Protein backbone atom coordinates (compact mmCIF):
# COMPACT_ATOMS: atom_id res chain seq x y z
CA UNK A 1 116.27 -27.24 48.27
CA UNK A 2 112.51 -26.62 49.26
CA UNK A 3 111.71 -25.73 52.86
CA UNK A 4 109.16 -28.07 54.31
CA UNK A 5 105.75 -26.51 53.31
CA UNK A 6 103.98 -27.62 56.40
CA UNK A 7 106.16 -25.33 58.44
CA UNK A 8 104.84 -22.33 56.61
CA UNK A 9 101.53 -21.04 57.69
CA UNK A 10 99.28 -20.74 54.69
CA UNK A 11 98.90 -16.96 55.12
CA UNK A 12 102.77 -16.39 55.37
CA UNK A 13 104.31 -15.66 51.92
CA UNK A 14 107.87 -14.57 52.98
CA UNK A 15 109.86 -15.89 55.85
CA UNK A 16 113.28 -14.60 56.78
CA UNK A 17 114.91 -16.19 59.96
CA UNK A 18 118.17 -14.97 61.54
CA UNK A 19 119.74 -14.05 58.08
CA UNK A 20 123.13 -12.45 58.03
CA UNK A 21 125.34 -11.55 55.16
CA UNK A 22 128.91 -10.69 54.93
CA UNK A 23 131.27 -9.44 52.22
CA UNK A 24 134.65 -10.29 53.55
CA UNK A 25 134.99 -8.43 56.83
CA UNK A 26 132.05 -6.09 55.92
CA UNK A 27 128.74 -7.12 57.68
CA UNK A 28 125.90 -6.11 55.39
CA UNK A 29 123.00 -7.76 57.33
CA UNK A 30 123.03 -9.10 60.92
CA UNK A 31 120.58 -11.69 62.07
CA UNK A 32 117.49 -10.32 60.34
CA UNK A 33 114.21 -11.91 61.12
CA UNK A 34 110.98 -10.79 59.27
CA UNK A 35 107.85 -12.26 57.81
CA UNK A 36 105.30 -11.07 55.27
CA UNK A 37 101.80 -12.19 55.18
CA UNK A 38 99.95 -12.46 51.83
CA UNK A 39 98.11 -9.31 50.79
CA UNK A 40 100.13 -6.81 52.73
CA UNK A 41 101.77 -3.73 51.57
CA UNK A 42 105.00 -3.21 53.76
CA UNK A 43 107.68 -0.41 53.63
CA UNK A 44 111.38 -1.18 54.36
CA UNK A 45 112.99 2.01 55.83
CA UNK A 46 116.48 2.86 56.33
CA UNK A 47 119.16 5.25 55.62
CA UNK A 48 121.45 4.85 52.58
CA UNK A 49 123.77 1.84 53.19
CA UNK A 50 121.50 0.29 55.73
CA UNK A 51 121.12 -3.04 53.91
CA UNK A 52 117.83 -2.58 52.13
CA UNK A 53 119.15 -3.49 48.47
CA UNK A 54 121.14 -6.22 49.94
CA UNK A 55 118.14 -7.92 51.70
CA UNK A 56 116.09 -7.67 48.29
CA UNK A 57 119.11 -9.17 46.39
CA UNK A 58 119.08 -12.14 48.92
CA UNK A 59 115.44 -12.52 48.58
CA UNK A 60 115.71 -12.68 44.78
CA UNK A 61 118.42 -15.35 44.96
CA UNK A 62 120.97 -12.94 43.40
CA UNK A 63 123.03 -13.30 46.45
CA UNK A 64 123.39 -16.18 49.05
CA UNK A 65 122.94 -15.62 52.71
CA UNK A 66 126.05 -16.29 54.89
CA UNK A 67 123.73 -17.76 57.43
CA UNK A 68 120.05 -18.21 58.19
CA UNK A 69 117.10 -19.02 55.99
CA UNK A 70 114.99 -17.23 53.65
CA UNK A 71 111.92 -18.54 51.78
CA UNK A 72 109.13 -17.43 49.46
CA UNK A 73 105.92 -19.64 49.46
CA UNK A 74 108.18 -22.35 50.93
CA UNK A 75 110.97 -22.11 48.42
CA UNK A 76 114.35 -21.45 49.51
CA UNK A 77 115.40 -18.11 48.08
CA UNK A 78 118.87 -19.22 46.75
CA UNK A 79 118.61 -22.98 46.22
CA UNK A 80 115.24 -22.60 44.38
CA UNK A 81 115.90 -19.23 42.92
CA UNK A 82 114.51 -20.14 39.47
CA UNK A 83 111.14 -21.11 40.94
CA UNK A 84 111.17 -17.87 43.25
CA UNK A 85 111.63 -15.65 40.17
CA UNK A 86 108.41 -17.07 38.95
CA UNK A 87 106.76 -15.85 42.11
CA UNK A 88 108.42 -12.38 42.32
CA UNK A 89 108.27 -9.25 40.40
CA UNK A 90 111.57 -7.28 41.20
CA UNK A 91 111.99 -3.58 40.33
CA UNK A 92 115.55 -2.52 41.02
CA UNK A 93 116.42 1.04 41.96
CA UNK A 94 118.33 1.55 38.61
CA UNK A 95 116.85 -0.77 35.81
CA UNK A 96 119.27 -1.55 33.14
CA UNK A 97 118.27 -2.65 29.64
CA UNK A 98 120.08 -3.87 26.47
CA UNK A 99 121.08 -0.87 24.36
CA UNK A 100 119.70 -2.43 21.24
CA UNK A 101 116.27 -3.56 22.28
CA UNK A 102 113.08 -1.36 22.27
CA UNK A 103 110.72 -1.21 25.15
CA UNK A 104 108.50 -3.66 23.34
CA UNK A 105 111.30 -6.04 22.65
CA UNK A 106 112.39 -5.96 26.17
CA UNK A 107 108.85 -7.01 27.35
CA UNK A 108 108.69 -9.77 24.50
CA UNK A 109 112.18 -11.18 25.68
CA UNK A 110 111.20 -11.27 29.38
CA UNK A 111 107.87 -12.88 28.50
CA UNK A 112 109.54 -15.62 26.48
CA UNK A 113 112.07 -16.21 29.20
CA UNK A 114 109.10 -16.68 31.68
CA UNK A 115 107.52 -19.27 29.20
CA UNK A 116 104.59 -17.13 28.63
CA UNK A 117 102.74 -16.71 25.39
CA UNK A 118 104.27 -13.49 24.23
CA UNK A 119 101.36 -12.08 22.35
CA UNK A 120 98.90 -12.79 25.20
CA UNK A 121 101.26 -11.40 27.69
CA UNK A 122 101.68 -8.07 25.82
CA UNK A 123 98.04 -7.93 25.10
CA UNK A 124 97.34 -8.21 28.68
CA UNK A 125 99.60 -5.21 29.29
CA UNK A 126 98.12 -2.84 26.91
CA UNK A 127 95.80 -1.08 29.34
CA UNK A 128 98.50 -0.69 31.95
CA UNK A 129 101.05 0.60 29.04
CA UNK A 130 98.52 3.22 28.36
CA UNK A 131 97.88 4.00 31.94
CA UNK A 132 101.51 4.60 32.41
CA UNK A 133 101.77 6.87 29.19
CA UNK A 134 104.22 4.56 27.64
CA UNK A 135 102.37 3.53 24.52
CA UNK A 136 104.38 5.89 22.23
CA UNK A 137 107.66 4.84 23.80
CA UNK A 138 107.30 1.08 23.23
CA UNK A 139 109.03 1.18 19.90
CA UNK A 140 111.92 3.30 20.98
CA UNK A 141 115.19 2.00 22.48
CA UNK A 142 114.81 1.47 26.13
CA UNK A 143 118.37 2.54 26.77
CA UNK A 144 117.35 6.09 25.44
CA UNK A 145 114.53 6.34 27.99
CA UNK A 146 114.62 8.87 30.90
CA UNK A 147 115.07 7.69 34.24
CA UNK A 148 111.44 7.79 35.07
CA UNK A 149 110.53 6.01 31.77
CA UNK A 150 113.01 3.16 32.76
CA UNK A 151 111.27 2.77 36.15
CA UNK A 152 107.92 2.58 34.36
CA UNK A 153 109.33 -0.13 31.91
CA UNK A 154 110.93 -1.89 35.00
CA UNK A 155 107.46 -1.94 36.74
CA UNK A 156 105.80 -3.46 33.60
CA UNK A 157 108.44 -6.07 33.69
CA UNK A 158 107.73 -6.84 37.38
CA UNK A 159 104.06 -7.19 36.55
CA UNK A 160 104.30 -9.06 33.32
CA UNK A 161 104.02 -12.56 34.69
CA UNK A 162 101.46 -11.76 37.35
CA UNK A 163 103.52 -12.78 40.34
CA UNK A 164 102.06 -12.92 43.73
CA UNK A 165 105.01 -10.86 45.39
CA UNK A 166 106.32 -7.54 44.31
CA UNK A 167 109.69 -6.53 45.63
CA UNK A 168 110.40 -2.71 44.78
CA UNK A 169 113.70 -0.93 45.49
CA UNK A 170 113.14 2.71 45.91
CA UNK A 171 110.29 2.57 43.27
CA UNK A 172 109.58 6.25 42.98
CA UNK A 173 113.05 7.52 42.44
CA UNK A 174 113.04 9.40 39.04
CA UNK A 175 109.35 9.65 38.96
CA UNK A 176 107.60 13.00 38.75
CA UNK A 177 104.64 13.96 41.19
CA UNK A 178 101.94 12.66 38.59
CA UNK A 179 103.70 9.31 38.01
CA UNK A 180 104.35 8.88 41.74
CA UNK A 181 100.60 9.44 42.42
CA UNK A 182 99.94 6.79 39.57
CA UNK A 183 102.30 4.40 41.24
CA UNK A 184 100.42 4.52 44.60
CA UNK A 185 97.25 3.93 42.67
CA UNK A 186 98.74 1.02 40.93
CA UNK A 187 100.14 -0.47 44.18
CA UNK A 188 96.74 -0.14 45.89
CA UNK A 189 94.93 -1.90 42.93
CA UNK A 190 97.63 -4.68 43.04
CA UNK A 191 97.13 -5.13 46.85
CA UNK A 192 93.51 -5.20 46.40
CA UNK A 193 93.86 -7.96 43.94
CA UNK A 194 95.73 -10.07 46.51
CA UNK A 195 99.34 -9.24 45.90
CA UNK A 196 101.93 -8.93 48.46
CA UNK A 197 104.15 -5.73 48.17
CA UNK A 198 107.15 -4.70 49.79
CA UNK A 199 109.06 -1.69 48.75
CA UNK A 200 112.27 0.16 50.09
CA UNK A 201 112.36 3.92 50.75
CA UNK A 202 113.63 6.67 52.85
CA UNK A 203 110.51 8.85 52.27
CA UNK A 204 108.34 8.59 55.26
CA UNK A 205 105.28 10.15 53.66
CA UNK A 206 105.21 7.31 51.18
CA UNK A 207 105.09 4.77 53.87
CA UNK A 208 102.37 6.72 55.64
CA UNK A 209 100.21 6.96 52.38
CA UNK A 210 100.62 3.50 51.19
CA UNK A 211 101.67 0.90 53.91
CA UNK A 212 99.83 -0.94 56.57
CA UNK A 213 103.17 -2.29 58.01
CA UNK A 214 106.76 -1.34 57.95
CA UNK A 215 110.35 -2.34 59.05
CA UNK A 216 113.17 0.01 59.99
CA UNK A 217 116.73 -1.24 59.15
CA UNK A 218 119.87 0.32 60.44
CA UNK A 219 123.38 -0.80 59.83
CA UNK A 220 122.21 -4.29 58.71
CA UNK A 221 119.93 -4.82 61.81
CA UNK A 222 116.10 -4.52 61.80
CA UNK A 223 115.48 -2.43 64.69
CA UNK A 224 111.56 -2.21 64.54
CA UNK A 225 108.92 -4.09 62.74
CA UNK A 226 105.15 -4.09 62.95
CA UNK A 227 101.93 -2.12 62.01
CA UNK A 228 102.61 1.64 61.58
CA UNK A 229 100.60 2.16 64.74
CA UNK A 230 102.90 -0.27 66.60
CA UNK A 231 106.01 1.47 65.37
CA UNK A 232 104.85 4.98 65.92
CA UNK A 233 102.02 5.05 68.47
CA UNK A 234 100.90 8.75 68.27
CA UNK A 235 104.16 10.17 67.03
CA UNK A 236 105.02 11.07 63.53
CA UNK A 237 106.88 8.31 61.58
CA UNK A 238 109.63 10.74 60.62
CA UNK A 239 110.40 11.50 64.28
CA UNK A 240 110.51 7.62 65.10
CA UNK A 241 112.63 6.94 62.18
CA UNK A 242 115.18 9.37 63.04
CA UNK A 243 115.26 8.27 66.69
CA UNK A 244 115.76 4.58 65.51
CA UNK A 245 118.49 5.36 63.09
CA UNK A 246 120.45 8.08 64.57
CA UNK A 247 124.24 7.36 64.78
CA UNK A 248 124.31 6.66 68.45
CA UNK A 249 121.39 4.23 68.65
CA UNK A 250 122.00 0.97 70.40
C-alpha cells in the first residue's frame, strides 16, 4: 500500500517512523525514527549486532517491520517492495551469485529482471567496469571471484538501473586501499549526480571522509542522528561513538 504522497516533503526520500522489529522474543530494532533527504550521504554507525543489517533489510522489503512505518519516495517498503526495488540499489555485506554464471551474465540477468534493455544497460556500465578494473573478469564465473571482486560486481548491480537511492551494507569490507579510495570517489560522483546514499560501517574515518550526516545505533535503538558537527561538536567521532555505544550506555 502506498503512503499518501502529500505527507512526504518533496525533499525527503526515506522516512522511518517508530519502527520496531522482533524475531520471537529477540528485539532487533526498537522504535527507530529516521529520515533521509535527497542527495545526502549518510553513515549508519554501530557495533556488530546493533541492528544495521536488519534496518537495511526492512528498507529493502526483505523483512516486514513488527510495528511502525517505512517508506521510500512514498512507497511502503514492504507492501510496495517491488516498486521500492526499482528505486534502490542494494549492496549486501556478502554478495552471493549463482555459481554457473559469469560476471557479465549476472549483470545481464539483473538488467532483464529490471526490465531494462540488456545491451544498452551493459554498454552504459562499460566505463565503470573499466574504472573498477573488472573488464577481464566479466567472462569469469562470479562465484570464483575474490571477496573484493564480488563487492565490485555487487556495486555494479546496485548501480545498474540508475536508482535514486543506494543502500550499502559494509561496502568496503574486502576492498584493498586502492579500491576503497576508488569507492569513495564513486560515491562522491553519485552524490554530485543527485543520488542519496546510506551505508553502514564501524569505521569512523570512512564516515568522516565521506558523509555529511550520520546515525548511531546501539542494541536496536538509534541513539544519535544529525550532521557530523551536531553529533560530534569539536570532539573526534571515534570518541563520541565509543561513548554512545558503550555497554552501560542508557
